[in-house]
Amino acid sequence: MHEPMLTIEEREAINAGRWFSTLSPSLRHDILRCAFVRRYKDGQIIAARGDPPDSWIACAKGAVRVSSISISGKQITLTYVEPGIWFGDVSILDGDRRTHDAYAHGDCTILCVATADFRKILATHVEFYDAMLRLQSRRIRQLYGLVEDLNTLPLRSRLAKQLLHLVRSYGVPSLSNHHEIRISLQLAQEELAQLVGASRQRVNQELKAMEREEAIRVEANGLVIRDRERLMRIVELND
């Protein structure tokens, strides 16, 4: 039975990743040479909290929803991993178990490097150490930024900032108006609320206010950004 391979679009998404594209050709070659492909349907679990770290993972298509379980047993969405982003290396590096659950959000393709191969590449390429340090440093900066936003920005600004992030990661031109951008990632308002640390009711109120201001349009199948500049001004006014 043949192993599944990346499509041209999936390979382009991996190669265009902001971090991966900075690696030397020889390091990228060795990573891709030992990587294998897995495909998941919406809602299928990719990795579970408490699992041993069996592989290093990159999203090649769709999205990976990273979540945790609250004390009350409710599943909380923490972030979405977009195409071109690698994750799962922290557990490999510290030898501890995985800290969160990862699910396919929509049809999803991931690229995996087995832990043993990850360690071989680390032993072969000194460059890989520096690259991993840069990757971890970027994550720490992002984490501090999120904590700062939660503690200093009002919900309106946090929501506008999150929508701008989703546009950068999942924005596609609207078929009805080329000036508008549709967020292709399908999110329930409850999930969007979890991403900004607020209740669904408050997020719904803010979305309606942004819709009245003609910054966005809420449709049954997702969100459309009508005025990106207006969203940026909402962030800047409270940044």
Protein backbone atom coordinates (compact mmCIF):
# COMPACT_ATOMS: atom_id res chain seq x y z
CA MET A 1 0.00 0.00 0.00
CA HIS A 2 1.42 3.38 -1.03
CA GLU A 3 2.04 6.00 1.62
CA PRO A 4 0.00 9.19 1.03
CA MET A 5 1.98 12.09 -0.38
CA LEU A 6 1.58 15.84 -0.11
CA THR A 7 -0.22 17.55 -2.95
CA ILE A 8 1.55 20.41 -4.71
CA GLU A 9 -0.52 22.93 -2.72
CA GLU A 10 0.24 21.19 0.58
CA ARG A 11 3.98 21.08 -0.15
CA GLU A 12 3.90 24.77 -1.07
CA ALA A 13 2.19 25.55 2.24
CA ILE A 14 4.94 23.73 4.16
CA ASN A 15 7.78 25.33 2.19
CA ALA A 16 6.26 28.80 2.54
CA GLY A 17 6.02 28.56 6.33
CA ARG A 18 7.60 31.63 7.91
CA TRP A 19 9.96 29.59 10.09
CA PHE A 20 10.55 26.58 7.83
CA SER A 21 11.47 28.79 4.86
CA THR A 22 14.43 30.23 6.82
CA LEU A 23 16.13 26.82 7.15
CA SER A 24 18.96 25.79 4.87
CA PRO A 25 18.06 23.62 1.85
CA SER A 26 19.93 20.63 3.31
CA LEU A 27 18.06 20.82 6.63
CA ARG A 28 14.69 21.23 4.89
CA HIS A 29 15.55 18.25 2.69
CA ASP A 30 16.41 16.00 5.65
CA ILE A 31 13.21 16.97 7.48
CA LEU A 32 10.99 16.30 4.46
CA ARG A 33 12.89 13.13 3.52
CA CYS A 34 11.87 11.34 6.72
CA ALA A 35 8.42 12.94 7.11
CA PHE A 36 5.19 11.06 6.52
CA VAL A 37 1.69 12.29 5.70
CA ARG A 38 -1.56 11.77 7.57
CA ARG A 39 -5.02 12.99 6.60
CA TYR A 40 -7.94 13.54 8.97
CA LYS A 41 -11.62 14.33 8.69
CA ASP A 42 -13.26 17.11 10.68
CA GLY A 43 -13.28 16.39 14.42
CA GLN A 44 -10.83 13.48 14.37
CA ILE A 45 -8.25 13.57 17.13
CA ILE A 46 -4.63 14.02 16.04
CA ALA A 47 -2.96 13.98 19.45
CA ALA A 48 -4.32 13.73 22.99
CA ARG A 49 -3.22 15.37 26.19
CA GLY A 50 -1.09 12.93 28.18
CA ASP A 51 0.13 11.06 25.09
CA PRO A 52 3.86 10.41 24.80
CA PRO A 53 5.47 12.56 22.10
CA ASP A 54 5.66 10.18 19.15
CA SER A 55 6.10 12.78 16.41
CA TRP A 56 6.77 16.38 15.45
CA ILE A 57 3.88 17.78 13.41
CA ALA A 58 3.20 20.43 10.79
CA CYS A 59 -0.17 21.47 9.40
CA ALA A 60 -0.15 21.21 5.59
CA LYS A 61 -3.84 21.82 4.85
CA GLY A 62 -6.87 23.00 6.78
CA ALA A 63 -6.45 23.71 10.49
CA VAL A 64 -5.60 21.94 13.72
CA ARG A 65 -7.67 22.97 16.72
CA VAL A 66 -5.66 22.93 19.94
CA SER A 67 -7.85 22.63 23.02
CA SER A 68 -7.97 21.88 26.72
CA ILE A 69 -10.62 20.73 29.19
CA SER A 70 -11.83 23.09 31.92
CA ILE A 71 -12.46 22.03 35.51
CA SER A 72 -16.17 21.74 34.67
CA GLY A 73 -15.35 19.36 31.80
CA LYS A 74 -15.97 21.88 29.02
CA GLN A 75 -13.68 21.77 25.99
CA ILE A 76 -11.93 25.12 25.48
CA THR A 77 -10.36 26.09 22.15
CA LEU A 78 -6.99 27.74 22.71
CA THR A 79 -5.74 28.31 19.17
CA TYR A 80 -5.84 27.09 15.60
CA VAL A 81 -2.69 25.90 13.87
CA GLU A 82 -2.61 27.07 10.26
CA PRO A 83 -0.83 25.53 7.25
CA GLY A 84 2.93 25.92 7.41
CA ILE A 85 3.11 25.90 11.22
CA TRP A 86 5.00 23.18 13.13
CA PHE A 87 4.05 22.06 16.65
CA GLY A 88 4.51 19.23 19.13
CA ASP A 89 8.24 19.79 19.56
CA VAL A 90 8.05 20.96 23.18
CA SER A 91 7.17 17.47 24.44
CA ILE A 92 9.96 15.96 22.35
CA LEU A 93 12.52 18.43 23.67
CA ASP A 94 11.64 18.09 27.37
CA GLY A 95 10.65 14.41 27.22
CA ASP A 96 7.31 15.03 28.94
CA ARG A 97 3.81 14.13 27.73
CA ARG A 98 1.66 16.25 25.46
CA THR A 99 -0.05 19.14 27.23
CA HIS A 100 -3.12 19.66 25.01
CA ASP A 101 -5.52 17.91 22.68
CA ALA A 102 -5.25 18.49 18.92
CA TYR A 103 -8.18 17.90 16.57
CA ALA A 104 -8.68 18.28 12.82
CA HIS A 105 -10.83 21.32 12.05
CA GLY A 106 -12.36 20.54 8.69
CA ASP A 107 -10.47 18.24 6.35
CA CYS A 108 -6.89 18.40 7.51
CA THR A 109 -3.51 17.17 6.27
CA ILE A 110 -0.53 16.98 8.58
CA LEU A 111 3.12 16.16 8.04
CA CYS A 112 4.82 14.14 10.79
CA VAL A 113 8.43 13.46 11.74
CA ALA A 114 8.89 10.57 14.19
CA THR A 115 10.58 11.47 17.47
CA ALA A 116 13.58 9.23 16.71
CA ASP A 117 14.07 10.96 13.33
CA PHE A 118 13.66 14.38 14.95
CA ARG A 119 16.49 13.56 17.34
CA LYS A 120 18.69 12.22 14.50
CA ILE A 121 18.21 15.46 12.56
CA LEU A 122 19.03 17.42 15.72
CA ALA A 123 22.26 15.43 16.11
CA THR A 124 23.19 15.85 12.44
CA HIS A 125 22.43 19.55 11.92
CA VAL A 126 23.86 22.03 14.40
CA GLU A 127 21.74 24.63 12.61
CA PHE A 128 18.63 22.84 13.85
CA TYR A 129 19.41 23.79 17.47
CA ASP A 130 19.49 27.50 16.64
CA ALA A 131 16.38 27.16 14.51
CA MET A 132 14.46 25.51 17.35
CA LEU A 133 15.61 28.24 19.74
CA ARG A 134 14.27 30.88 17.35
CA LEU A 135 10.99 28.99 17.09
CA GLN A 136 10.59 28.76 20.88
CA SER A 137 11.55 32.43 21.30
CA ARG A 138 8.90 33.49 18.82
CA ARG A 139 6.29 31.46 20.69
CA ILE A 140 7.27 33.03 24.00
CA ARG A 141 6.94 36.51 22.51
CA GLN A 142 3.51 35.60 21.14
CA LEU A 143 2.46 34.19 24.50
CA TYR A 144 3.51 37.34 26.34
CA GLY A 145 1.64 39.38 23.73
CA LEU A 146 -1.54 37.37 24.33
CA VAL A 147 -1.27 37.76 28.11
CA GLU A 148 -0.68 41.49 27.71
CA ASP A 149 -3.70 41.84 25.41
CA LEU A 150 -5.95 39.96 27.86
CA ASN A 151 -4.90 42.26 30.67
CA THR A 152 -4.74 45.62 28.88
CA LEU A 153 -7.08 45.66 25.88
CA PRO A 154 -10.88 45.85 25.97
CA LEU A 155 -12.80 43.02 24.33
CA ARG A 156 -13.59 45.15 21.26
CA SER A 157 -9.87 45.57 20.49
CA ARG A 158 -9.01 41.94 21.25
CA LEU A 159 -11.76 40.78 18.93
CA ALA A 160 -10.66 43.11 16.12
CA LYS A 161 -7.08 41.89 16.56
CA GLN A 162 -8.21 38.26 16.40
CA LEU A 163 -10.23 38.89 13.25
CA LEU A 164 -7.20 40.52 11.60
CA HIS A 165 -5.10 37.49 12.54
CA LEU A 166 -7.71 35.14 11.04
CA VAL A 167 -7.76 37.22 7.86
CA ARG A 168 -3.97 36.92 7.50
CA SER A 169 -4.11 33.16 8.04
CA TYR A 170 -7.40 32.19 6.39
CA GLY A 171 -8.52 35.16 4.32
CA VAL A 172 -9.80 34.50 0.78
CA PRO A 173 -11.27 37.04 -1.68
CA SER A 174 -15.03 37.32 -1.54
CA LEU A 175 -16.75 36.10 -4.70
CA SER A 176 -19.42 38.81 -4.50
CA ASN A 177 -17.11 41.79 -3.84
CA HIS A 178 -13.36 41.82 -4.54
CA HIS A 179 -12.87 44.53 -1.90
CA GLU A 180 -14.08 42.15 0.81
CA ILE A 181 -12.25 39.23 2.40
CA ARG A 182 -13.94 36.10 3.67
CA ILE A 183 -12.47 34.17 6.61
CA SER A 184 -12.43 30.61 5.26
CA LEU A 185 -11.98 29.03 8.70
CA GLN A 186 -15.43 27.98 9.90
CA LEU A 187 -15.82 29.15 13.50
CA ALA A 188 -18.82 29.06 15.80
CA GLN A 189 -19.21 32.22 17.89
CA GLU A 190 -18.53 30.14 20.99
CA GLU A 191 -15.12 29.16 19.58
CA LEU A 192 -14.32 32.74 18.60
CA ALA A 193 -15.29 33.82 22.12
CA GLN A 194 -12.90 31.29 23.63
CA LEU A 195 -10.04 32.62 21.49
CA VAL A 196 -10.48 36.12 22.95
CA GLY A 197 -11.32 35.04 26.50
CA ALA A 198 -14.91 36.27 26.64
CA SER A 199 -18.49 34.98 26.70
CA ARG A 200 -20.33 34.20 23.47
CA GLN A 201 -22.98 36.80 24.36
CA ARG A 202 -20.43 39.64 24.67
CA VAL A 203 -18.67 38.63 21.47
CA ASN A 204 -22.02 38.54 19.68
CA GLN A 205 -22.71 42.10 20.84
CA GLU A 206 -19.33 43.33 19.59
CA LEU A 207 -19.75 41.58 16.24
CA LYS A 208 -23.13 43.25 15.77
CA ALA A 209 -21.58 46.64 16.60
CA MET A 210 -18.79 46.05 14.05
CA GLU A 211 -21.42 45.02 11.52
CA ARG A 212 -23.36 48.26 12.06
CA GLU A 213 -20.11 50.16 11.49
CA GLU A 214 -19.69 48.23 8.20
CA ALA A 215 -16.34 46.78 9.27
CA ILE A 216 -17.58 43.18 8.95
CA ARG A 217 -20.57 41.16 7.81
CA VAL A 218 -21.84 38.14 9.71
CA GLU A 219 -23.20 35.44 7.43
CA ALA A 220 -24.59 31.99 8.10
CA ASN A 221 -21.45 30.33 6.74
CA GLY A 222 -18.86 32.65 8.29
CA LEU A 223 -17.46 36.14 8.64
CA VAL A 224 -16.65 38.61 5.87
CA ILE A 225 -14.26 41.50 6.48
CA ARG A 226 -15.64 44.54 4.68
CA ASP A 227 -13.18 47.17 5.92
CA ARG A 228 -9.81 45.94 7.15
CA GLU A 229 -8.60 49.49 7.83
CA ARG A 230 -11.51 50.10 10.19
CA LEU A 231 -10.60 46.98 12.17
CA MET A 232 -7.00 48.19 12.39
CA ARG A 233 -8.19 51.54 13.73
CA ILE A 234 -10.23 49.77 16.42
CA VAL A 235 -7.03 48.01 17.58
CA GLU A 236 -4.88 51.17 17.38
CA LEU A 237 -7.33 53.30 19.36
CA ASN A 238 -6.90 51.01 22.36
CA ASP A 239 -3.40 49.61 21.80
